[in-house]
N, C-alpha and C. Protein backbone atom coordinates (compact mmCIF):
# COMPACT_ATOMS: atom_id res chain seq x y z
N UNK A 1 -60.00 -130.28 -76.33
CA UNK A 1 -61.50 -129.15 -75.89
C UNK A 1 -61.80 -129.46 -77.06
N UNK A 2 -63.37 -129.94 -76.27
CA UNK A 2 -64.64 -130.20 -78.03
C UNK A 2 -65.83 -129.20 -77.57
N UNK A 3 -66.58 -129.13 -78.37
CA UNK A 3 -68.09 -128.66 -77.96
C UNK A 3 -69.02 -128.93 -79.05
N UNK A 4 -70.08 -129.28 -78.44
CA UNK A 4 -70.97 -129.93 -79.35
C UNK A 4 -72.06 -128.85 -79.51
N UNK A 5 -72.38 -128.61 -80.75
CA UNK A 5 -73.15 -127.41 -81.07
C UNK A 5 -74.93 -127.92 -81.44
N UNK A 6 -75.86 -127.42 -81.28
CA UNK A 6 -77.35 -127.90 -81.52
C UNK A 6 -77.89 -127.08 -82.02
N UNK A 7 -78.24 -126.66 -83.44
CA UNK A 7 -79.00 -125.89 -83.95
C UNK A 7 -80.31 -126.39 -83.82
N UNK A 8 -80.93 -125.73 -83.60
CA UNK A 8 -82.49 -125.72 -83.43
C UNK A 8 -83.57 -125.01 -84.19
N UNK A 9 -82.83 -124.75 -85.52
CA UNK A 9 -83.87 -124.03 -86.35
C UNK A 9 -84.37 -124.49 -87.47
N UNK A 10 -85.13 -124.71 -88.34
CA UNK A 10 -85.15 -125.61 -89.13
C UNK A 10 -84.80 -125.19 -90.30
N UNK A 11 -83.92 -124.31 -90.14
CA UNK A 11 -83.27 -123.61 -91.23
C UNK A 11 -81.67 -123.58 -91.11
N UNK A 12 -81.03 -125.10 -92.12
CA UNK A 12 -79.49 -124.84 -91.59
C UNK A 12 -78.65 -123.95 -91.89
N UNK A 13 -78.72 -122.72 -92.93
CA UNK A 13 -78.18 -121.76 -93.56
C UNK A 13 -79.22 -120.37 -92.91
N UNK A 14 -79.92 -120.53 -91.82
CA UNK A 14 -80.82 -119.59 -91.47
C UNK A 14 -79.62 -118.40 -90.49
N UNK A 15 -80.63 -117.78 -89.93
CA UNK A 15 -80.05 -116.69 -89.01
C UNK A 15 -79.61 -116.98 -87.49
N UNK A 16 -80.14 -118.17 -87.43
CA UNK A 16 -79.16 -118.82 -85.84
C UNK A 16 -78.04 -119.32 -86.66
N UNK A 17 -77.76 -120.27 -87.69
CA UNK A 17 -76.74 -120.68 -87.99
C UNK A 17 -75.47 -119.66 -88.16
N UNK A 18 -75.99 -118.45 -88.67
CA UNK A 18 -74.98 -117.26 -88.50
C UNK A 18 -74.65 -117.09 -87.34
N UNK A 19 -75.30 -117.33 -86.42
CA UNK A 19 -74.62 -117.00 -85.08
C UNK A 19 -73.21 -118.01 -84.35
N UNK A 20 -74.17 -119.30 -84.80
CA UNK A 20 -73.05 -120.20 -84.16
C UNK A 20 -72.19 -120.10 -85.21
N UNK A 21 -71.77 -120.09 -86.54
CA UNK A 21 -70.67 -119.78 -87.45
C UNK A 21 -69.58 -118.80 -86.81
N UNK A 22 -70.60 -117.69 -85.91
CA UNK A 22 -69.67 -116.35 -85.77
C UNK A 22 -68.52 -117.46 -84.37
N UNK A 23 -69.31 -118.18 -83.68
CA UNK A 23 -68.76 -118.66 -82.53
C UNK A 23 -67.99 -120.12 -82.80
N UNK A 24 -68.04 -120.80 -84.07
CA UNK A 24 -67.03 -121.74 -84.45
C UNK A 24 -65.94 -121.52 -84.89
N UNK A 25 -65.71 -120.30 -85.95
CA UNK A 25 -64.65 -119.43 -86.13
C UNK A 25 -63.97 -119.24 -85.01
N UNK A 26 -64.17 -118.89 -84.14
CA UNK A 26 -63.24 -118.53 -82.59
C UNK A 26 -63.22 -119.84 -81.71
N UNK A 27 -64.02 -120.86 -81.73
CA UNK A 27 -63.79 -121.71 -81.46
C UNK A 27 -62.39 -122.58 -81.95
N UNK A 28 -62.42 -122.89 -83.18
CA UNK A 28 -61.16 -123.45 -83.86
C UNK A 28 -60.16 -122.32 -84.20
N UNK A 29 -60.16 -121.18 -84.11
CA UNK A 29 -58.98 -120.56 -83.83
C UNK A 29 -58.17 -120.61 -82.38
N UNK A 30 -58.95 -120.86 -81.26
CA UNK A 30 -58.56 -121.53 -80.12
C UNK A 30 -58.19 -122.99 -80.35
N UNK A 31 -57.99 -123.55 -81.24
CA UNK A 31 -57.97 -124.87 -81.38
C UNK A 31 -59.06 -125.86 -80.35
N UNK A 32 -60.14 -125.43 -80.46
CA UNK A 32 -61.00 -126.35 -79.65
C UNK A 32 -62.41 -126.94 -80.84
N UNK A 33 -62.15 -128.51 -81.03
CA UNK A 33 -62.69 -129.27 -82.01
C UNK A 33 -64.72 -128.72 -81.85
N UNK A 34 -65.13 -129.12 -83.00
CA UNK A 34 -66.47 -128.27 -82.80
C UNK A 34 -67.35 -129.25 -83.60
N UNK A 35 -68.56 -129.70 -83.40
CA UNK A 35 -69.49 -130.36 -84.17
C UNK A 35 -71.28 -129.60 -83.87
N UNK A 36 -71.40 -129.26 -85.49
CA UNK A 36 -72.84 -128.64 -85.13
C UNK A 36 -73.73 -129.67 -85.71
N UNK A 37 -74.71 -129.93 -85.32
CA UNK A 37 -75.41 -130.89 -85.33
C UNK A 37 -76.99 -130.25 -85.56
N UNK A 38 -78.02 -130.55 -86.76
CA UNK A 38 -78.81 -129.59 -87.21
C UNK A 38 -79.95 -130.51 -86.73
N UNK A 39 -80.42 -129.88 -85.58
CA UNK A 39 -82.29 -131.01 -85.19
C UNK A 39 -83.52 -130.02 -85.40
N UNK A 40 -83.11 -129.15 -85.68
CA UNK A 40 -84.76 -128.20 -86.01
C UNK A 40 -85.39 -128.67 -87.19
N UNK A 41 -85.18 -129.32 -87.92
CA UNK A 41 -85.87 -129.70 -88.89
C UNK A 41 -86.22 -131.53 -88.93
N UNK A 42 -85.94 -131.65 -87.88
CA UNK A 42 -86.33 -133.30 -87.71
C UNK A 42 -87.62 -133.36 -86.94
N UNK A 43 -88.38 -134.92 -87.35
CA UNK A 43 -89.19 -135.08 -86.46
C UNK A 43 -89.20 -135.84 -85.18
N UNK A 44 -89.26 -135.03 -84.36
CA UNK A 44 -88.68 -135.92 -82.79
C UNK A 44 -90.06 -135.81 -81.84
N UNK A 45 -90.44 -136.81 -81.44
CA UNK A 45 -91.56 -136.29 -80.37
C UNK A 45 -90.73 -136.18 -79.13
N UNK A 46 -91.59 -135.94 -78.35
CA UNK A 46 -91.46 -135.64 -76.81
C UNK A 46 -91.49 -136.77 -75.81
N UNK A 47 -90.86 -136.23 -74.85
CA UNK A 47 -90.67 -137.15 -73.71
C UNK A 47 -92.26 -137.48 -73.05
N UNK A 48 -92.22 -139.13 -73.00
CA UNK A 48 -93.49 -139.87 -72.65
C UNK A 48 -93.48 -140.30 -71.32
N UNK A 49 -92.29 -140.13 -70.48
CA UNK A 49 -92.29 -140.38 -68.95
C UNK A 49 -92.30 -141.83 -68.49
N UNK A 50 -91.80 -142.63 -69.69
CA UNK A 50 -91.99 -144.26 -69.21
C UNK A 50 -90.99 -144.78 -68.68
N UNK A 51 -90.01 -143.62 -68.31
CA UNK A 51 -88.88 -144.45 -67.36
C UNK A 51 -88.00 -145.58 -67.88
N UNK A 52 -88.02 -146.12 -68.95
CA UNK A 52 -87.04 -146.99 -69.82
C UNK A 52 -85.98 -146.76 -69.75
N UNK A 53 -85.39 -145.64 -69.75
CA UNK A 53 -84.29 -144.80 -69.72
C UNK A 53 -83.39 -145.43 -68.62
N UNK A 54 -84.31 -145.53 -67.47
CA UNK A 54 -83.84 -145.76 -66.16
C UNK A 54 -83.07 -147.14 -66.00
N UNK A 55 -83.57 -147.78 -66.78
CA UNK A 55 -83.48 -149.57 -66.79
C UNK A 55 -82.04 -149.36 -68.34
N UNK A 56 -82.41 -148.94 -69.57
CA UNK A 56 -81.48 -149.41 -70.30
C UNK A 56 -80.40 -148.19 -70.81
N UNK A 57 -80.41 -147.29 -70.03
CA UNK A 57 -79.32 -145.99 -70.17
C UNK A 57 -79.64 -145.49 -71.57
N UNK A 58 -80.75 -145.59 -72.22
CA UNK A 58 -81.11 -144.65 -73.36
C UNK A 58 -82.64 -144.50 -73.50
N UNK A 59 -82.82 -143.57 -74.29
CA UNK A 59 -84.13 -143.63 -74.63
C UNK A 59 -84.85 -144.50 -75.29
N UNK A 60 -86.06 -144.94 -75.32
CA UNK A 60 -86.57 -145.73 -75.94
C UNK A 60 -87.41 -145.65 -77.42
N UNK A 61 -87.18 -143.84 -77.49
CA UNK A 61 -87.71 -143.62 -79.19
C UNK A 61 -85.88 -143.39 -79.94
N UNK A 62 -85.87 -144.50 -80.60
CA UNK A 62 -84.44 -144.54 -80.93
C UNK A 62 -84.17 -143.52 -82.34
N UNK A 63 -83.87 -142.47 -82.19
CA UNK A 63 -83.77 -141.22 -83.03
C UNK A 63 -82.67 -140.47 -82.98
N UNK A 64 -82.23 -139.25 -83.30
CA UNK A 64 -81.43 -138.40 -82.70
C UNK A 64 -80.78 -138.00 -81.55
N UNK A 65 -81.68 -138.16 -80.66
CA UNK A 65 -81.07 -138.35 -79.09
C UNK A 65 -80.59 -139.07 -78.67
N UNK A 66 -80.58 -140.63 -79.09
CA UNK A 66 -79.72 -141.34 -78.73
C UNK A 66 -78.44 -141.20 -79.52
N UNK A 67 -78.23 -140.48 -80.95
CA UNK A 67 -77.28 -140.26 -81.50
C UNK A 67 -76.58 -139.42 -80.73
N UNK A 68 -77.26 -138.52 -80.27
CA UNK A 68 -76.45 -136.98 -79.51
C UNK A 68 -75.83 -137.36 -78.26
N UNK A 69 -76.27 -138.52 -77.46
CA UNK A 69 -76.15 -139.45 -76.28
C UNK A 69 -74.55 -139.06 -76.33
N UNK A 70 -73.84 -140.11 -76.87
CA UNK A 70 -72.29 -140.33 -76.75
C UNK A 70 -71.86 -138.94 -77.05
N UNK A 71 -72.03 -138.15 -77.96
CA UNK A 71 -71.30 -136.95 -78.80
C UNK A 71 -71.55 -136.17 -77.15
N UNK A 72 -72.53 -136.14 -76.34
CA UNK A 72 -72.59 -135.03 -75.87
C UNK A 72 -71.70 -135.76 -74.14
N UNK A 73 -72.08 -137.27 -73.90
CA UNK A 73 -70.97 -137.58 -73.49
C UNK A 73 -69.24 -137.16 -72.78
N UNK A 74 -69.29 -136.95 -74.51
CA UNK A 74 -67.57 -136.89 -74.77
C UNK A 74 -67.01 -135.47 -74.89
N UNK A 75 -68.58 -134.57 -74.66
CA UNK A 75 -67.79 -133.15 -74.99
C UNK A 75 -67.69 -132.26 -73.98
N UNK A 76 -66.58 -131.34 -73.61
CA UNK A 76 -66.50 -130.52 -72.58
C UNK A 76 -67.42 -129.10 -72.30
N UNK A 77 -68.27 -129.11 -73.72
CA UNK A 77 -69.10 -127.74 -73.69
C UNK A 77 -70.28 -128.31 -74.50
N UNK A 78 -71.47 -127.66 -74.22
CA UNK A 78 -72.75 -127.87 -75.29
C UNK A 78 -73.15 -126.50 -75.32
N UNK A 79 -73.49 -126.06 -76.62
CA UNK A 79 -74.47 -124.70 -77.07
C UNK A 79 -75.39 -125.51 -77.65
N UNK A 80 -76.56 -124.68 -77.34
CA UNK A 80 -78.04 -125.05 -77.84
C UNK A 80 -78.46 -123.73 -78.57
N UNK A 81 -78.67 -123.55 -79.84
CA UNK A 81 -79.20 -122.46 -79.95
C UNK A 81 -80.80 -122.60 -80.86
N UNK A 82 -81.37 -121.76 -80.29
CA UNK A 82 -82.75 -121.52 -81.18
C UNK A 82 -83.34 -120.03 -81.80
N UNK A 83 -84.60 -120.14 -82.81
CA UNK A 83 -84.97 -119.37 -83.00
C UNK A 83 -86.08 -118.64 -82.10
N UNK A 84 -86.55 -117.85 -81.99
CA UNK A 84 -87.71 -117.56 -80.86
C UNK A 84 -89.28 -117.90 -81.49
N UNK A 85 -89.76 -118.58 -81.23
CA UNK A 85 -91.28 -118.96 -81.95
C UNK A 85 -92.51 -118.66 -80.36
N UNK A 86 -92.98 -117.51 -80.67
CA UNK A 86 -93.64 -117.03 -79.54
C UNK A 86 -93.42 -117.14 -77.96
N UNK A 87 -91.99 -116.54 -78.24
CA UNK A 87 -91.42 -116.13 -76.81
C UNK A 87 -90.94 -117.27 -76.11
N UNK A 88 -90.62 -118.31 -77.29
CA UNK A 88 -90.10 -119.46 -76.35
C UNK A 88 -89.28 -120.55 -77.85
N UNK A 89 -88.44 -121.16 -77.35
CA UNK A 89 -87.90 -121.90 -78.30
C UNK A 89 -88.64 -122.92 -78.96
N UNK A 90 -87.50 -123.48 -80.31
CA UNK A 90 -88.48 -124.02 -81.20
C UNK A 90 -88.80 -125.50 -80.46
N UNK A 91 -90.00 -125.88 -80.46
CA UNK A 91 -90.88 -126.93 -79.91
C UNK A 91 -89.73 -128.32 -80.05
N UNK A 92 -89.07 -128.46 -81.16
CA UNK A 92 -88.47 -129.59 -81.69
C UNK A 92 -87.31 -129.76 -80.65
N UNK A 93 -86.59 -128.65 -80.50
CA UNK A 93 -85.10 -128.35 -79.70
C UNK A 93 -85.49 -129.07 -78.70
N UNK A 94 -86.81 -128.21 -77.99
CA UNK A 94 -87.38 -128.96 -76.44
C UNK A 94 -87.39 -130.06 -76.30
N UNK A 95 -88.00 -130.67 -77.66
CA UNK A 95 -88.09 -132.03 -77.15
C UNK A 95 -87.26 -133.21 -77.05
N UNK A 96 -86.04 -132.43 -78.01
CA UNK A 96 -84.54 -133.21 -77.93
C UNK A 96 -83.68 -132.99 -76.71
N UNK A 97 -83.71 -131.75 -75.92
CA UNK A 97 -83.35 -131.44 -74.96
C UNK A 97 -83.77 -132.30 -74.24
N UNK A 98 -85.38 -132.38 -73.79
CA UNK A 98 -86.14 -132.93 -72.62
C UNK A 98 -85.70 -134.30 -72.79
N UNK A 99 -85.37 -134.94 -73.72
CA UNK A 99 -84.89 -136.95 -73.84
C UNK A 99 -83.51 -136.79 -73.78
N UNK A 100 -83.04 -135.76 -74.24
CA UNK A 100 -81.01 -136.15 -74.09
C UNK A 100 -81.12 -135.81 -72.42
N UNK A 101 -81.50 -134.84 -71.94
CA UNK A 101 -80.94 -134.63 -70.49
C UNK A 101 -81.61 -135.89 -69.56
N UNK A 102 -82.68 -136.08 -69.75
CA UNK A 102 -83.62 -137.14 -68.72
C UNK A 102 -83.02 -138.68 -69.11
N UNK A 103 -82.78 -138.74 -70.28
CA UNK A 103 -82.49 -140.14 -70.95
C UNK A 103 -80.89 -140.67 -70.56
N UNK A 104 -80.20 -139.48 -70.34
CA UNK A 104 -78.43 -140.06 -70.04
C UNK A 104 -78.04 -139.94 -68.81
N UNK A 105 -77.69 -140.94 -68.71
CA UNK A 105 -77.13 -141.55 -66.99
C UNK A 105 -75.61 -140.75 -66.63
N UNK A 106 -74.85 -140.42 -67.65
CA UNK A 106 -73.33 -139.94 -67.17
C UNK A 106 -73.67 -139.06 -66.83
N UNK A 107 -72.48 -138.46 -66.11
CA UNK A 107 -72.23 -137.32 -65.25
C UNK A 107 -72.00 -135.81 -66.18
N UNK A 108 -72.75 -134.87 -65.71
CA UNK A 108 -72.54 -134.00 -66.80
C UNK A 108 -72.15 -132.56 -65.75
N UNK A 109 -71.50 -132.79 -64.51
CA UNK A 109 -71.12 -132.07 -63.69
C UNK A 109 -69.94 -131.06 -64.62
N UNK A 110 -70.00 -129.71 -64.22
CA UNK A 110 -69.00 -128.78 -64.99
C UNK A 110 -68.52 -129.23 -66.23
N UNK A 111 -69.86 -129.46 -67.63
CA UNK A 111 -69.74 -129.44 -68.74
C UNK A 111 -70.16 -128.02 -68.55
N UNK A 112 -69.70 -127.20 -69.68
CA UNK A 112 -69.90 -125.69 -69.76
C UNK A 112 -70.90 -125.31 -71.02
N UNK A 113 -72.28 -125.16 -70.50
CA UNK A 113 -73.09 -124.81 -71.43
C UNK A 113 -73.71 -123.19 -71.94
N UNK A 114 -73.82 -123.02 -72.94
CA UNK A 114 -74.39 -122.09 -73.54
C UNK A 114 -75.70 -121.87 -74.25
N UNK A 115 -76.48 -121.02 -74.43
CA UNK A 115 -77.60 -121.23 -75.02
C UNK A 115 -77.55 -119.74 -75.40
N UNK A 116 -78.13 -119.90 -77.07
CA UNK A 116 -78.13 -118.69 -78.03
C UNK A 116 -79.37 -118.66 -78.82
N UNK A 117 -79.53 -117.65 -78.78
CA UNK A 117 -81.12 -117.38 -79.27
C UNK A 117 -81.14 -116.33 -80.71
N UNK A 118 -82.14 -116.72 -81.35
CA UNK A 118 -82.80 -115.69 -82.30
C UNK A 118 -83.74 -115.11 -82.99
N UNK A 119 -84.04 -113.39 -82.78
CA UNK A 119 -85.29 -113.14 -82.82
C UNK A 119 -85.79 -112.24 -83.70
N UNK A 120 -86.49 -111.84 -84.64
CA UNK A 120 -86.95 -110.85 -85.16
C UNK A 120 -86.89 -108.96 -84.00
N UNK A 121 -87.58 -109.49 -83.02
CA UNK A 121 -87.36 -108.57 -81.83
C UNK A 121 -87.57 -108.84 -80.56
N UNK A 122 -88.58 -109.13 -80.17
CA UNK A 122 -88.80 -109.62 -78.89
C UNK A 122 -88.83 -111.30 -78.35
N UNK A 123 -88.93 -111.38 -77.04
CA UNK A 123 -88.96 -112.78 -76.92
C UNK A 123 -87.13 -113.54 -76.78
N UNK A 124 -86.61 -112.81 -76.68
CA UNK A 124 -85.00 -113.37 -76.69
C UNK A 124 -84.94 -113.75 -75.18
N UNK A 125 -85.16 -112.84 -74.18
CA UNK A 125 -84.83 -113.17 -72.85
C UNK A 125 -85.55 -114.46 -72.06
N UNK A 126 -86.81 -114.50 -72.69
CA UNK A 126 -87.69 -115.31 -72.18
C UNK A 126 -87.33 -117.21 -72.96
N UNK A 127 -86.82 -116.68 -73.99
CA UNK A 127 -86.06 -118.23 -74.72
C UNK A 127 -84.52 -118.18 -74.02
N UNK A 128 -83.83 -117.24 -73.92
CA UNK A 128 -82.65 -117.60 -73.24
C UNK A 128 -82.71 -118.23 -71.81
N UNK A 129 -83.87 -117.65 -71.09
CA UNK A 129 -84.15 -118.33 -70.00
C UNK A 129 -84.20 -119.82 -70.31
N UNK A 130 -85.26 -119.87 -70.43
CA UNK A 130 -85.73 -121.20 -70.97
C UNK A 130 -84.71 -122.33 -71.13
N UNK A 131 -83.92 -121.94 -72.19
CA UNK A 131 -82.73 -122.91 -72.52
C UNK A 131 -81.67 -122.95 -71.60
N UNK A 132 -81.49 -122.29 -70.48
CA UNK A 132 -80.19 -122.14 -69.32
C UNK A 132 -81.05 -123.29 -68.41
N UNK A 133 -82.35 -123.16 -68.53
CA UNK A 133 -82.61 -123.99 -67.14
C UNK A 133 -81.81 -125.71 -67.26
N UNK A 134 -81.91 -126.04 -68.80
CA UNK A 134 -81.12 -127.58 -68.87
C UNK A 134 -80.11 -127.61 -68.39
N UNK A 135 -79.04 -126.64 -67.97
CA UNK A 135 -77.67 -126.57 -67.63
C UNK A 135 -78.04 -126.41 -65.86
N UNK A 136 -78.89 -125.55 -65.66
CA UNK A 136 -78.64 -125.21 -64.25
C UNK A 136 -79.17 -126.55 -63.31
N UNK A 137 -80.22 -127.16 -64.06
CA UNK A 137 -80.58 -128.58 -63.32
C UNK A 137 -79.49 -130.11 -63.13
N UNK A 138 -78.37 -129.80 -64.06
CA UNK A 138 -77.35 -130.28 -64.16
C UNK A 138 -75.55 -130.20 -63.90
N UNK A 139 -75.83 -129.49 -62.81
CA UNK A 139 -74.24 -129.17 -62.27
C UNK A 139 -73.55 -128.35 -63.50
N UNK A 140 -74.20 -127.77 -64.36
CA UNK A 140 -73.17 -127.53 -65.40
C UNK A 140 -73.11 -125.56 -65.71
N UNK A 141 -71.90 -125.46 -65.50
CA UNK A 141 -71.95 -123.71 -64.96
C UNK A 141 -72.13 -123.53 -66.69
N UNK A 142 -72.63 -121.97 -66.77
CA UNK A 142 -73.06 -121.57 -67.64
C UNK A 142 -72.19 -120.11 -68.53
N UNK A 143 -71.59 -120.51 -69.60
CA UNK A 143 -70.70 -119.52 -69.85
C UNK A 143 -71.66 -118.06 -70.07
N UNK A 144 -71.11 -117.17 -69.94
CA UNK A 144 -71.85 -115.55 -70.47
C UNK A 144 -70.85 -114.91 -71.40
N UNK A 145 -71.58 -113.80 -72.08
CA UNK A 145 -70.92 -112.91 -73.10
C UNK A 145 -70.86 -111.47 -72.12
N UNK A 146 -70.94 -110.78 -73.17
CA UNK A 146 -70.42 -109.40 -72.98
C UNK A 146 -72.30 -108.74 -72.99
N UNK A 147 -73.49 -109.53 -73.21
CA UNK A 147 -74.56 -109.09 -73.42
C UNK A 147 -75.29 -110.50 -73.20
N UNK A 148 -76.86 -110.33 -73.29
CA UNK A 148 -77.19 -111.87 -73.41
C UNK A 148 -77.26 -112.25 -74.67
N UNK A 149 -77.35 -113.74 -74.93
CA UNK A 149 -76.74 -114.34 -76.01
C UNK A 149 -77.61 -114.46 -76.90
N UNK A 150 -78.09 -113.23 -77.82
CA UNK A 150 -78.89 -112.78 -78.92
C UNK A 150 -78.34 -112.35 -79.90
N UNK A 151 -79.02 -112.62 -80.95
CA UNK A 151 -78.72 -112.29 -82.46
C UNK A 151 -80.44 -111.79 -83.13
N UNK A 152 -80.34 -110.85 -83.84
CA UNK A 152 -81.41 -110.61 -84.37
C UNK A 152 -81.51 -110.65 -85.55
N UNK A 153 -82.47 -111.07 -86.47
CA UNK A 153 -82.87 -111.08 -87.88
C UNK A 153 -84.32 -111.58 -88.08
N UNK A 154 -84.54 -111.63 -89.04
CA UNK A 154 -85.95 -112.31 -89.63
C UNK A 154 -86.00 -113.04 -91.05
N UNK A 155 -85.55 -111.70 -91.97
CA UNK A 155 -85.10 -112.22 -93.29
C UNK A 155 -83.87 -113.17 -93.54
N UNK A 156 -83.77 -113.93 -94.22
CA UNK A 156 -82.58 -114.55 -94.38
C UNK A 156 -81.62 -113.92 -94.81
N UNK A 157 -80.30 -113.89 -93.76
CA UNK A 157 -79.43 -112.99 -93.95
C UNK A 157 -79.15 -111.73 -93.19
N UNK A 158 -80.12 -111.45 -92.38
CA UNK A 158 -80.13 -110.69 -91.33
C UNK A 158 -79.44 -110.05 -90.30
N UNK A 159 -79.16 -111.14 -89.78
CA UNK A 159 -78.77 -111.52 -88.21
C UNK A 159 -76.80 -111.08 -89.14
N UNK A 160 -76.84 -111.32 -90.07
CA UNK A 160 -75.55 -110.96 -90.51
C UNK A 160 -75.19 -109.76 -90.54
N UNK A 161 -76.05 -108.68 -90.37
CA UNK A 161 -75.58 -107.34 -90.38
C UNK A 161 -76.21 -106.91 -88.78
N UNK A 162 -75.93 -107.81 -87.74
CA UNK A 162 -76.43 -107.69 -86.50
C UNK A 162 -75.06 -107.43 -85.89
N UNK A 163 -74.26 -106.24 -85.91
CA UNK A 163 -72.52 -106.26 -85.40
C UNK A 163 -72.81 -106.30 -84.05
N UNK A 164 -73.69 -106.19 -83.07
CA UNK A 164 -73.26 -106.56 -81.89
C UNK A 164 -73.56 -107.78 -81.54
N UNK A 165 -74.64 -108.42 -82.05
CA UNK A 165 -75.03 -109.83 -81.88
C UNK A 165 -73.70 -110.51 -82.14
N UNK A 166 -73.13 -110.52 -83.51
CA UNK A 166 -71.98 -111.23 -83.49
C UNK A 166 -70.97 -110.79 -82.82
N UNK A 167 -70.64 -109.90 -82.47
CA UNK A 167 -69.65 -109.67 -81.37
C UNK A 167 -69.99 -110.60 -80.17
N UNK A 168 -71.51 -110.43 -79.79
CA UNK A 168 -71.56 -111.15 -78.67
C UNK A 168 -71.44 -112.35 -78.88
N UNK A 169 -71.51 -113.29 -79.80
CA UNK A 169 -71.31 -114.80 -79.80
C UNK A 169 -69.82 -114.83 -80.45
N UNK A 170 -68.99 -113.98 -80.58
CA UNK A 170 -67.39 -114.21 -80.48
C UNK A 170 -66.98 -113.98 -79.20
N UNK A 171 -67.64 -113.30 -78.02
CA UNK A 171 -66.86 -113.22 -77.11
C UNK A 171 -67.82 -114.42 -76.31
N UNK A 172 -68.53 -114.53 -76.41
CA UNK A 172 -69.16 -115.96 -75.82
C UNK A 172 -68.52 -117.20 -76.27
N UNK A 173 -67.85 -117.33 -77.31
CA UNK A 173 -67.21 -118.62 -77.51
C UNK A 173 -65.58 -118.26 -76.68
N UNK A 174 -65.27 -116.73 -76.93
CA UNK A 174 -63.98 -116.89 -76.03
C UNK A 174 -64.00 -117.09 -74.70
N UNK A 175 -65.09 -116.64 -74.13
CA UNK A 175 -65.13 -116.83 -72.28
C UNK A 175 -65.56 -118.21 -72.55
N UNK A 176 -66.40 -118.91 -73.31
CA UNK A 176 -66.72 -120.31 -72.94
C UNK A 176 -65.21 -121.17 -73.31
N UNK A 177 -64.24 -120.94 -74.05
CA UNK A 177 -63.22 -121.57 -74.14
C UNK A 177 -62.08 -121.58 -72.98
N UNK A 178 -62.04 -120.19 -72.32
CA UNK A 178 -61.55 -119.71 -71.20
C UNK A 178 -62.08 -120.66 -70.24
N UNK A 179 -63.31 -120.87 -69.90
CA UNK A 179 -63.87 -121.49 -68.71
C UNK A 179 -63.57 -123.21 -68.79
N UNK A 180 -63.68 -123.36 -70.31
CA UNK A 180 -63.51 -124.88 -70.20
C UNK A 180 -62.25 -125.41 -69.78
N UNK A 181 -61.42 -124.51 -70.08
CA UNK A 181 -59.88 -124.74 -70.04
C UNK A 181 -59.44 -124.78 -68.14
N UNK A 182 -59.82 -123.39 -67.96
CA UNK A 182 -59.68 -123.57 -66.55
C UNK A 182 -60.64 -124.39 -65.60
N UNK A 183 -61.58 -125.18 -66.09
CA UNK A 183 -62.11 -126.15 -65.09
C UNK A 183 -61.46 -127.53 -65.79
N UNK A 184 -60.77 -127.82 -66.76
CA UNK A 184 -59.82 -128.32 -67.05
C UNK A 184 -58.72 -128.62 -66.23
N UNK A 185 -57.92 -127.29 -65.98
CA UNK A 185 -57.03 -127.30 -65.11
C UNK A 185 -57.52 -127.62 -63.44
N UNK A 186 -58.63 -127.23 -63.03
CA UNK A 186 -59.27 -127.53 -61.71
C UNK A 186 -59.67 -129.09 -61.60
N UNK A 187 -60.21 -129.58 -62.52
CA UNK A 187 -60.36 -130.95 -62.26
C UNK A 187 -59.11 -132.03 -62.23
N UNK A 188 -57.84 -131.27 -62.77
CA UNK A 188 -56.59 -131.82 -63.01
C UNK A 188 -55.93 -131.57 -61.16
N UNK A 189 -55.98 -130.70 -60.74
CA UNK A 189 -55.56 -130.02 -59.38
C UNK A 189 -56.39 -130.81 -58.38
N UNK A 190 -57.95 -130.63 -58.31
CA UNK A 190 -58.22 -130.84 -57.06
C UNK A 190 -59.84 -131.86 -57.27
N UNK A 191 -59.90 -132.35 -58.58
CA UNK A 191 -61.15 -133.42 -59.00
C UNK A 191 -62.22 -132.33 -59.34
N UNK A 192 -63.33 -133.10 -59.06
CA UNK A 192 -64.72 -132.63 -59.59
C UNK A 192 -65.38 -132.25 -58.15
N UNK A 193 -66.33 -131.26 -57.75
CA UNK A 193 -67.10 -131.51 -56.48
C UNK A 193 -67.71 -132.29 -56.03
N UNK A 194 -67.91 -132.66 -54.85
CA UNK A 194 -68.24 -133.98 -54.18
C UNK A 194 -69.94 -133.46 -54.17
N UNK A 195 -70.19 -134.76 -55.05
CA UNK A 195 -71.66 -134.98 -55.03
C UNK A 195 -72.43 -135.90 -54.14
N UNK A 196 -73.28 -135.37 -53.29
CA UNK A 196 -74.08 -135.99 -52.68
C UNK A 196 -75.33 -136.85 -53.24
N UNK A 197 -75.87 -137.94 -52.07
CA UNK A 197 -76.53 -138.91 -52.77
C UNK A 197 -77.79 -137.84 -53.17
N UNK A 198 -78.07 -137.86 -54.40
CA UNK A 198 -79.83 -137.05 -54.64
C UNK A 198 -80.87 -137.10 -53.68
N UNK A 199 -81.42 -136.72 -52.92
CA UNK A 199 -82.51 -136.13 -52.64
C UNK A 199 -83.76 -136.84 -53.29
N UNK A 200 -84.27 -137.65 -52.43
CA UNK A 200 -85.23 -138.44 -52.92
C UNK A 200 -86.66 -137.93 -52.10
N UNK A 201 -87.81 -137.43 -52.55
CA UNK A 201 -88.86 -136.84 -51.28
C UNK A 201 -89.35 -138.14 -50.88
N UNK A 202 -90.01 -137.84 -49.70
CA UNK A 202 -90.73 -139.22 -49.28
C UNK A 202 -92.11 -138.89 -49.38
N UNK A 203 -92.98 -139.59 -48.54
CA UNK A 203 -94.29 -139.58 -48.50
C UNK A 203 -94.80 -138.38 -47.71
N UNK A 204 -95.39 -137.32 -48.11
CA UNK A 204 -95.58 -136.21 -46.75
C UNK A 204 -96.60 -136.48 -45.58
N UNK A 205 -97.45 -137.25 -45.65
CA UNK A 205 -98.09 -137.92 -44.88
C UNK A 205 -99.54 -136.65 -44.80
N UNK A 206 -99.55 -136.39 -45.45
CA UNK A 206 -100.48 -135.66 -45.70
C UNK A 206 -102.03 -136.48 -45.82
């Protein structure tokens, strides 16, 4: 089992990292390999809908997105974590995810996804919902915890004092590990669910 974790904060040792550190410790204790990639500090442009990726299998902008693609393909699970900015995720992380999910053609069905959000006070639920949409459009089951996957803090280190938030992260990692293992056993016995050819809309005739 291996999990790819994306830190969407521009601060590598900030409060979002504290949440991910709690998860990584649990994953490692369970024998799950992890890799944390910091993306929130990078200069990443958004998707321009050129559709070149449909021809080449990779994004036309050769940056961290193309570096992450093979890591995601090999991963059993993906964790995306973001601070909350104006009740939404860090725009850099969203640019990465837009292009990563759109440009990669490998099957993501039954890879386990989890989103983690960090805020001073409000906006966690909206950001949590925003990030989960990347999973629900690609047949990726979402790992849950004992509470919405949020941790609170503003000043450096604040999140380390959020004991409920840290417990939520540990529970999330344990649940995610169980789900990945269960899916692996299910794939051995039953295979992946049958996928129908994707429905493509035709002219409406209006």
